[in-house]
Every structure is written in C-alpha cells, then in structure tokens.
Amino acid sequence: MKIAITGKPFVGKSTIFRAITRATEDNHLIGKPNIGIVKVPDERLEFLSQTFQPKKTTNAELAFADFVGFENLGSALEKNLSVLNQLRTAEALAIVYKLFDVDQKNSPESAIEEWESELLLVDLQVVENRLDNIKRSSKGKKSLPNDKEKDLLLVCKDCIESGKPLRLLALNESEKKLLRDLQMLSIKPVIRVFNIPESLLDKPKEEWPQILQTQPTSSMAVTSICGEIDLEISQLDEMDKKDFMKEMAIEELGSNKLIRTTYNLLGLISFFTVGKDEVKAWTIRKNTKAVKAARVIHSDIEKGFIRAELISYKDFKNCGSMSEGKNKGMVRLEGKNYIVQDGDIINFRFNV
C-alpha cells in the first residue's frame, strides 16, 4: 500500500519524507521516487509489548513515495509518463503545502486550488481519450457491453468540468471497479499536509491559521508538520528525542500524526496477535470479516477457520491479563462473519 508524497518544488516534501522514513538515498536525479517503509505508531501495541515482553514486536506498516516536485503537474507528467504511471499506482496522495514564506500571490489557498485544477485536467484527458476509444469501437453496433462504462465516464466528465474532484462522487463498488483500470488521480483520497514554521509551534492551536482547521471528509484529511524540526528529532536517539520534545513542548511528532491520519483515511484498522514470541499489529480494512482477517496472517488459517477467540484492547487493558479477561467473561468466541473491530486481540482457531 503506497502513498505518494507530492507537491510543488521547495515546499519541504523531501524533508518531511526523510523525517517519517529516516531515508537518506535520493533517486530523483534518475527520475525515480524515493520509497520508504514506515511503522504506524500505536500506543496499544507498546502496551501489549510491555505486558507480554515478546522476543519481537511488529508494527503495522505503510509505504510512502517521495516524488520530485511539479511546478505544473499536467505538463510535467506529459513529458514523463513513467512518473505519471507511478503516481497513479498510489493508494492516496499526500500533497504538501508550505505555510512559511507565503504571501497573497503564493498562498496555501491558491496552491490548493491550483493543484486540484491540475489533477482535474489530467483526469479529463484520460476520460476524453477513453470516450473516444469507446466511440470508435462502437461504430455500426447498436449496443456494447461497455455502455455502462460510457455512461459512467460521462458522469465523470460532468463532475470534472464542474470543477469537482472525482473523489466526491458517490460511487458503488461496481462503478469503482469500472474506473479502476483508468487510475485517475482526482478520485484518490487526499491528505493535505501543511508544512508549518517552527514559530507556529509556540502558539496555541486556537491561533493557528484557519486553513489548518479544515474539517476532514471521508476522502480528504488535513494534518500539519514542522518538517525541519521533525527531521532533526528523527535523527536523535530515543532518550535525546524525549528530552528535545519536552524542551520544545511538543506532545506528538507531526510525522506520527501524518502516518496515523493516512492510515485512518485509507479506512484501515489494526488487530493484534500476542504471545511470548511476537506481539504484532495486522492491517485490514474496516468491516472485514473474521475469516478474511485470518487470511492476512496465512491462507491456511482462512481455509481451516473454526473460531476467532478474541478480546477488545480496552477490555484487555482493564483486565490486565488474558486469564483475568476469561474469568470476567470478556474473552469470547466469534464465527466467520464477525466484523473485526479496531484493536481486537485475536487468537484464530483453525484446522488444516
């Protein structure tokens, strides 16, 4: 699961990327994005690790790709189709905007409007090209299997021409499937990442710019990070990191907020498996049934699924141990169709 970090040049994209991934290698000169795997921060996993003292603790993970900055997305992508194709394979777009060195001409509001317009122009070209192909292939034929696709593309065209991103369309699963191969950009979930100046960290949140108070939606989220400070902190050892954050009165790293915001926007949750060998967070999508969650661990567990023995993280923490959870009736057995909840601690019973 890859998230593309993109934006205009000199907004601090690569600084933010290095802060969240601790990456040092730069492939931009040969036209490739920098890719890094990041651990999803989770206090619940830390507590479970302290409780079970396993040999190994494994966080959920996400992949972030840092793309070279685009001054003009449409023209830049036309010249470099490989970059376009890589950007299109991302699950979401983390678009970075700077809140330092800004003026009326170069405001974050204008940058957002410009980026949204660029995404729409790229998608409009895709839609029109596909409609042209359908028109050519339908000459002399009364009806084609792709009539539904044509109708859907016309809806997309109207949406784009009205200045709205495709992610605002209420699409059902079959419609999403029809559009999937086109890999359009404005249909992807977007995280607006505001790179804030260090001076803003000293101010109460109520005094922060109004644009940072933008309410999230199901397909768009907002977060902030001081890229330079987060990068500096990321290069410290754990003890120095805590001291530095305390001195700066930083309760949480912006990079952690970005990772967690992205995880939530993608509709992802974690369930846990625990034991002396390993405590691990597993990633699934919301509303996943127990039998499908079992497959994330191993396909054999899905095939031989019998029951899921589980307890919620909240109940486990209140009980203090699995045995006490059983004594209090907090541990229960669930079948294949149980919808796994965020934070469930599960032991799958299976037979193969």
Protein backbone atom coordinates (compact mmCIF):
# COMPACT_ATOMS: atom_id res chain seq x y z
CA MET A 1 0.00 0.00 0.00
CA LYS A 2 1.80 3.11 -1.27
CA ILE A 3 1.11 6.76 -0.54
CA ALA A 4 2.58 9.38 -2.86
CA ILE A 5 4.08 12.49 -1.26
CA THR A 6 3.94 15.23 -3.86
CA GLY A 7 3.57 18.97 -4.33
CA LYS A 8 5.34 21.94 -5.83
CA PRO A 9 9.12 22.39 -5.55
CA PHE A 10 10.57 23.85 -2.34
CA VAL A 11 7.59 23.11 -0.08
CA GLY A 12 9.56 20.66 2.08
CA LYS A 13 8.33 17.34 0.63
CA SER A 14 11.66 15.56 0.85
CA THR A 15 12.33 16.93 4.33
CA ILE A 16 9.01 15.51 5.51
CA PHE A 17 9.68 12.22 3.72
CA ARG A 18 13.08 11.89 5.42
CA ALA A 19 11.52 12.77 8.78
CA ILE A 20 8.94 9.98 8.61
CA THR A 21 11.16 7.33 6.97
CA ARG A 22 14.70 8.33 8.02
CA ALA A 23 15.67 7.83 4.39
CA THR A 24 18.95 9.19 3.05
CA GLU A 25 19.10 7.91 -0.53
CA ASP A 26 17.90 10.25 -3.29
CA ASN A 27 16.84 8.79 -6.66
CA HIS A 28 15.24 11.94 -8.03
CA LEU A 29 18.09 12.61 -10.43
CA ILE A 30 17.28 9.41 -12.33
CA GLY A 31 13.54 10.06 -12.33
CA LYS A 32 12.52 7.64 -9.63
CA PRO A 33 10.66 8.44 -6.42
CA ASN A 34 12.27 7.72 -3.08
CA ILE A 35 10.34 4.94 -1.35
CA GLY A 36 10.39 4.23 2.38
CA ILE A 37 8.51 1.88 4.70
CA VAL A 38 7.22 3.46 7.91
CA LYS A 39 5.88 1.95 11.10
CA VAL A 40 2.38 3.02 12.12
CA PRO A 41 2.70 4.42 15.66
CA ASP A 42 0.34 2.69 18.08
CA GLU A 43 0.30 3.13 21.86
CA ARG A 44 -1.79 -0.05 22.17
CA LEU A 45 0.98 -2.11 20.59
CA GLU A 46 3.51 -0.59 23.00
CA PHE A 47 1.32 -1.53 25.98
CA LEU A 48 0.85 -5.09 24.72
CA SER A 49 4.60 -5.41 24.16
CA GLN A 50 5.30 -4.24 27.71
CA THR A 51 2.74 -6.72 29.01
CA PHE A 52 3.87 -9.83 27.12
CA GLN A 53 7.60 -8.99 26.83
CA PRO A 54 7.89 -10.79 23.46
CA LYS A 55 11.08 -11.55 21.57
CA LYS A 56 9.77 -9.38 18.73
CA THR A 57 7.28 -6.53 18.34
CA THR A 58 5.95 -5.74 14.86
CA ASN A 59 4.07 -2.57 13.93
CA ALA A 60 1.64 -2.16 11.06
CA GLU A 61 3.39 -0.53 8.10
CA LEU A 62 2.77 1.85 5.22
CA ALA A 63 4.91 2.72 2.20
CA PHE A 64 5.49 6.37 1.29
CA ALA A 65 6.95 7.51 -2.04
CA ASP A 66 8.55 10.93 -2.36
CA PHE A 67 8.10 12.33 -5.87
CA VAL A 68 10.07 15.16 -7.42
CA GLY A 69 8.24 18.50 -7.11
CA PHE A 70 5.97 19.55 -10.00
CA GLU A 71 5.68 23.22 -10.88
CA ASN A 72 2.97 22.30 -13.35
CA LEU A 73 1.56 18.83 -12.92
CA GLY A 74 -0.08 18.44 -16.31
CA SER A 75 2.89 19.43 -18.48
CA ALA A 76 5.39 17.66 -16.23
CA LEU A 77 3.52 14.37 -16.38
CA GLU A 78 3.02 14.55 -20.14
CA LYS A 79 6.81 14.67 -20.50
CA ASN A 80 7.42 11.83 -18.06
CA LEU A 81 4.91 9.01 -18.41
CA SER A 82 6.85 6.76 -16.04
CA VAL A 83 6.35 9.28 -13.23
CA LEU A 84 2.67 9.56 -14.13
CA ASN A 85 2.25 5.78 -14.02
CA GLN A 86 3.97 5.54 -10.63
CA LEU A 87 1.85 8.36 -9.22
CA ARG A 88 -1.30 6.63 -10.46
CA THR A 89 -0.45 3.40 -8.63
CA ALA A 90 -0.55 5.16 -5.26
CA GLU A 91 -3.46 4.45 -2.90
CA ALA A 92 -3.58 8.09 -1.82
CA LEU A 93 -1.93 11.45 -2.47
CA ALA A 94 -0.24 13.34 0.36
CA ILE A 95 0.05 16.81 -1.15
CA VAL A 96 2.41 19.13 0.72
CA TYR A 97 1.72 22.86 1.04
CA LYS A 98 4.00 25.30 2.81
CA LEU A 99 2.86 27.72 5.49
CA PHE A 100 6.21 29.51 5.62
CA ASP A 101 7.40 32.30 3.30
CA VAL A 102 3.88 32.76 1.95
CA ASP A 103 2.21 35.87 0.53
CA GLN A 104 -1.08 36.66 -1.21
CA LYS A 105 0.31 35.59 -4.57
CA ASN A 106 1.72 32.35 -3.17
CA SER A 107 -0.87 31.45 -0.52
CA PRO A 108 -1.73 27.87 0.50
CA GLU A 109 -5.32 28.52 -0.64
CA SER A 110 -4.16 29.35 -4.16
CA ALA A 111 -1.79 26.38 -4.15
CA ILE A 112 -4.64 24.03 -3.21
CA GLU A 113 -6.86 25.45 -5.96
CA GLU A 114 -4.06 25.10 -8.49
CA TRP A 115 -3.29 21.51 -7.52
CA GLU A 116 -6.93 20.47 -7.65
CA SER A 117 -7.23 22.06 -11.12
CA GLU A 118 -4.14 20.21 -12.33
CA LEU A 119 -5.49 16.87 -11.13
CA LEU A 120 -8.77 17.54 -12.92
CA LEU A 121 -7.04 18.46 -16.19
CA VAL A 122 -5.02 15.24 -16.16
CA ASP A 123 -8.15 13.18 -15.43
CA LEU A 124 -10.21 14.99 -18.07
CA GLN A 125 -7.71 13.94 -20.71
CA VAL A 126 -7.98 10.32 -19.54
CA VAL A 127 -11.81 10.41 -19.64
CA GLU A 128 -11.95 12.02 -23.08
CA ASN A 129 -9.42 9.57 -24.52
CA ARG A 130 -11.41 6.62 -23.17
CA LEU A 131 -14.69 8.02 -24.53
CA ASP A 132 -13.08 8.45 -27.95
CA ASN A 133 -11.93 4.81 -27.88
CA ILE A 134 -15.42 3.63 -26.96
CA LYS A 135 -16.94 5.74 -29.76
CA ARG A 136 -14.58 4.31 -32.37
CA SER A 137 -15.18 0.72 -31.26
CA SER A 138 -18.98 1.15 -31.25
CA LYS A 139 -19.39 2.29 -34.86
CA GLY A 140 -22.10 0.24 -36.56
CA LYS A 141 -23.10 -1.57 -33.38
CA LYS A 142 -26.38 -1.00 -31.55
CA SER A 143 -25.25 -1.97 -28.07
CA LEU A 144 -21.96 -2.81 -26.39
CA PRO A 145 -21.01 -4.28 -23.03
CA ASN A 146 -19.21 -1.01 -22.28
CA ASP A 147 -22.39 1.11 -22.42
CA LYS A 148 -22.35 1.27 -18.63
CA GLU A 149 -18.76 2.45 -18.70
CA LYS A 150 -19.62 5.14 -21.23
CA ASP A 151 -22.48 6.43 -19.07
CA LEU A 152 -20.24 6.47 -16.02
CA LEU A 153 -17.48 8.30 -17.90
CA LEU A 154 -19.96 10.97 -18.96
CA VAL A 155 -20.88 11.44 -15.29
CA CYS A 156 -17.16 11.77 -14.51
CA LYS A 157 -16.73 14.29 -17.32
CA ASP A 158 -19.57 16.42 -15.98
CA CYS A 159 -18.08 16.26 -12.49
CA ILE A 160 -14.63 17.33 -13.69
CA GLU A 161 -15.97 20.13 -15.89
CA SER A 162 -17.91 21.47 -12.90
CA GLY A 163 -14.58 21.79 -11.08
CA LYS A 164 -15.13 18.94 -8.62
CA PRO A 165 -12.69 16.06 -7.99
CA LEU A 166 -13.95 12.56 -8.74
CA ARG A 167 -13.45 11.52 -5.11
CA LEU A 168 -16.62 13.48 -4.32
CA LEU A 169 -18.75 11.17 -6.48
CA ALA A 170 -20.85 8.63 -4.58
CA LEU A 171 -19.78 5.52 -6.48
CA ASN A 172 -20.88 1.96 -5.75
CA GLU A 173 -18.47 -0.97 -5.88
CA SER A 174 -19.28 -1.94 -9.48
CA GLU A 175 -18.70 1.66 -10.64
CA LYS A 176 -15.39 1.84 -8.77
CA LYS A 177 -14.38 -1.40 -10.48
CA LEU A 178 -15.19 0.06 -13.92
CA LEU A 179 -12.92 3.04 -13.27
CA ARG A 180 -10.12 1.19 -11.52
CA ASP A 181 -8.01 0.48 -14.59
CA LEU A 182 -8.04 4.16 -15.61
CA GLN A 183 -6.20 5.02 -12.35
CA MET A 184 -7.40 8.61 -12.30
CA LEU A 185 -5.79 10.98 -9.85
CA SER A 186 -8.64 13.12 -8.52
CA ILE A 187 -10.51 10.00 -7.40
CA LYS A 188 -7.79 9.14 -4.88
CA PRO A 189 -8.08 10.11 -1.21
CA VAL A 190 -6.03 13.22 -0.44
CA ILE A 191 -4.11 14.26 2.66
CA ARG A 192 -3.36 17.98 2.73
CA VAL A 193 -0.03 18.18 4.56
CA PHE A 194 0.79 21.69 5.75
CA ASN A 195 4.48 22.24 6.41
CA ILE A 196 4.40 24.79 9.22
CA PRO A 197 7.17 27.11 10.50
CA GLU A 198 8.82 26.48 13.85
CA SER A 199 7.38 29.76 15.18
CA LEU A 200 3.88 28.30 14.98
CA LEU A 201 4.74 25.56 17.47
CA ASP A 202 4.88 28.11 20.30
CA LYS A 203 1.36 29.36 19.65
CA PRO A 204 -1.87 27.80 20.98
CA LYS A 205 -3.81 25.82 18.38
CA GLU A 206 -6.62 28.41 18.50
CA GLU A 207 -4.24 30.95 16.94
CA TRP A 208 -3.15 28.71 14.09
CA PRO A 209 -4.26 29.67 10.53
CA GLN A 210 -7.87 28.85 9.74
CA ILE A 211 -6.83 26.60 6.86
CA LEU A 212 -5.46 24.12 9.40
CA GLN A 213 -8.94 23.85 10.92
CA THR A 214 -10.45 22.48 7.68
CA GLN A 215 -12.84 19.68 8.54
CA PRO A 216 -11.87 16.29 7.09
CA THR A 217 -14.19 14.21 4.93
CA SER A 218 -14.29 10.54 4.00
CA SER A 219 -11.89 11.22 1.12
CA MET A 220 -9.82 14.18 2.35
CA ALA A 221 -7.85 14.78 5.54
CA VAL A 222 -5.73 17.62 6.89
CA THR A 223 -2.60 17.44 9.05
CA SER A 224 0.38 19.63 9.87
CA ILE A 225 4.07 19.04 10.46
CA CYS A 226 7.13 21.21 11.02
CA GLY A 227 9.36 19.32 8.61
CA GLU A 228 12.69 20.73 9.77
CA ILE A 229 12.01 20.07 13.47
CA ASP A 230 10.63 16.58 12.84
CA LEU A 231 13.67 15.72 10.72
CA GLU A 232 16.01 16.94 13.44
CA ILE A 233 14.17 14.91 16.08
CA SER A 234 14.10 11.78 13.90
CA GLN A 235 17.91 11.72 13.86
CA LEU A 236 18.20 11.60 17.68
CA ASP A 237 18.27 8.52 19.89
CA GLU A 238 15.18 7.79 21.99
CA MET A 239 16.37 9.47 25.19
CA ASP A 240 17.54 12.65 23.44
CA LYS A 241 14.34 12.64 21.40
CA LYS A 242 12.17 12.71 24.53
CA ASP A 243 14.29 15.48 26.10
CA PHE A 244 14.16 17.58 22.93
CA MET A 245 10.40 17.21 22.58
CA LYS A 246 9.90 18.12 26.24
CA GLU A 247 12.07 21.21 25.84
CA MET A 248 10.12 22.25 22.74
CA ALA A 249 6.77 21.40 24.42
CA ILE A 250 5.96 19.04 21.53
CA GLU A 251 3.40 16.44 22.64
CA GLU A 252 3.40 14.46 19.40
CA LEU A 253 5.56 14.44 16.29
CA GLY A 254 3.91 15.78 13.15
CA SER A 255 5.26 12.76 11.28
CA ASN A 256 3.33 10.42 13.60
CA LYS A 257 0.16 12.43 13.02
CA LEU A 258 0.71 12.22 9.25
CA ILE A 259 1.18 8.44 9.33
CA ARG A 260 -1.85 7.86 11.53
CA THR A 261 -4.01 10.32 9.53
CA THR A 262 -3.12 8.46 6.34
CA TYR A 263 -3.89 5.08 7.92
CA ASN A 264 -7.33 6.27 9.02
CA LEU A 265 -8.15 7.99 5.72
CA LEU A 266 -7.48 4.77 3.84
CA GLY A 267 -10.07 3.04 6.01
CA LEU A 268 -7.50 0.81 7.70
CA ILE A 269 -7.62 -0.66 11.19
CA SER A 270 -5.35 -2.95 13.21
CA PHE A 271 -5.99 -6.16 15.09
CA PHE A 272 -3.35 -7.79 17.29
CA THR A 273 -1.88 -11.19 17.88
CA VAL A 274 0.05 -11.64 21.12
CA GLY A 275 2.46 -14.11 22.68
CA LYS A 276 5.94 -14.56 24.08
CA ASP A 277 7.48 -14.91 20.62
CA GLU A 278 5.82 -11.90 18.98
CA VAL A 279 3.27 -9.16 19.51
CA LYS A 280 2.09 -7.95 16.12
CA ALA A 281 -0.32 -5.42 14.60
CA TRP A 282 -2.04 -6.66 11.44
CA THR A 283 -3.60 -4.32 8.91
CA ILE A 284 -7.08 -4.85 7.47
CA ARG A 285 -9.79 -2.61 6.06
CA LYS A 286 -12.77 -1.60 8.15
CA ASN A 287 -15.72 -4.02 8.04
CA THR A 288 -13.51 -7.04 7.33
CA LYS A 289 -14.98 -10.37 8.43
CA ALA A 290 -13.00 -12.61 10.79
CA VAL A 291 -12.36 -15.29 8.17
CA LYS A 292 -10.85 -12.70 5.78
CA ALA A 293 -8.78 -11.20 8.60
CA ALA A 294 -7.39 -14.69 9.21
CA ARG A 295 -6.13 -14.78 5.63
CA VAL A 296 -3.91 -11.75 6.34
CA ILE A 297 -1.91 -13.99 8.67
CA HIS A 298 -1.95 -17.09 6.44
CA SER A 299 -4.24 -18.54 3.78
CA ASP A 300 -4.28 -21.89 5.66
CA ILE A 301 -5.90 -20.19 8.66
CA GLU A 302 -8.66 -18.89 6.38
CA LYS A 303 -9.20 -22.32 4.83
CA GLY A 304 -9.31 -24.15 8.16
CA PHE A 305 -11.06 -21.41 10.12
CA ILE A 306 -13.05 -22.68 13.13
CA ARG A 307 -13.45 -19.77 15.52
CA ALA A 308 -11.84 -16.49 16.49
CA GLU A 309 -11.08 -16.24 20.20
CA LEU A 310 -10.83 -12.55 21.00
CA ILE A 311 -10.98 -9.69 23.46
CA SER A 312 -11.07 -5.98 22.74
CA TYR A 313 -7.94 -4.00 23.60
CA LYS A 314 -9.92 -1.81 26.01
CA ASP A 315 -11.25 -4.83 27.91
CA PHE A 316 -7.82 -6.46 27.99
CA LYS A 317 -6.22 -3.31 29.39
CA ASN A 318 -8.89 -3.06 32.08
CA CYS A 319 -8.44 -6.74 33.00
CA GLY A 320 -4.64 -6.69 32.90
CA SER A 321 -4.23 -10.21 31.56
CA MET A 322 -5.85 -12.76 29.25
CA SER A 323 -6.65 -15.12 32.11
CA GLU A 324 -8.41 -12.36 34.04
CA GLY A 325 -10.27 -11.45 30.85
CA LYS A 326 -11.56 -15.03 30.64
CA ASN A 327 -12.54 -15.01 34.31
CA LYS A 328 -14.61 -11.86 33.73
CA GLY A 329 -16.21 -13.20 30.56
CA MET A 330 -14.50 -10.61 28.36
CA VAL A 331 -12.88 -13.22 26.08
CA ARG A 332 -15.38 -14.59 23.59
CA LEU A 333 -15.63 -16.85 20.55
CA GLU A 334 -16.79 -15.46 17.21
CA GLY A 335 -17.55 -17.08 13.86
CA LYS A 336 -16.55 -16.40 10.26
CA ASN A 337 -18.93 -13.49 9.75
CA TYR A 338 -17.86 -11.50 12.80
CA ILE A 339 -16.75 -7.99 11.78
CA VAL A 340 -13.31 -7.43 13.27
CA GLN A 341 -13.05 -4.23 15.31
CA ASP A 342 -10.07 -1.92 15.58
CA GLY A 343 -7.93 -3.11 18.49
CA ASP A 344 -9.28 -6.65 18.74
CA ILE A 345 -6.74 -9.11 20.18
CA ILE A 346 -7.36 -12.37 18.33
CA ASN A 347 -6.29 -15.98 18.50
CA PHE A 348 -7.61 -17.85 15.46
CA ARG A 349 -8.62 -21.46 15.95
CA PHE A 350 -8.22 -23.47 12.76
CA ASN A 351 -7.67 -26.96 11.43
CA VAL A 352 -5.97 -27.89 8.14
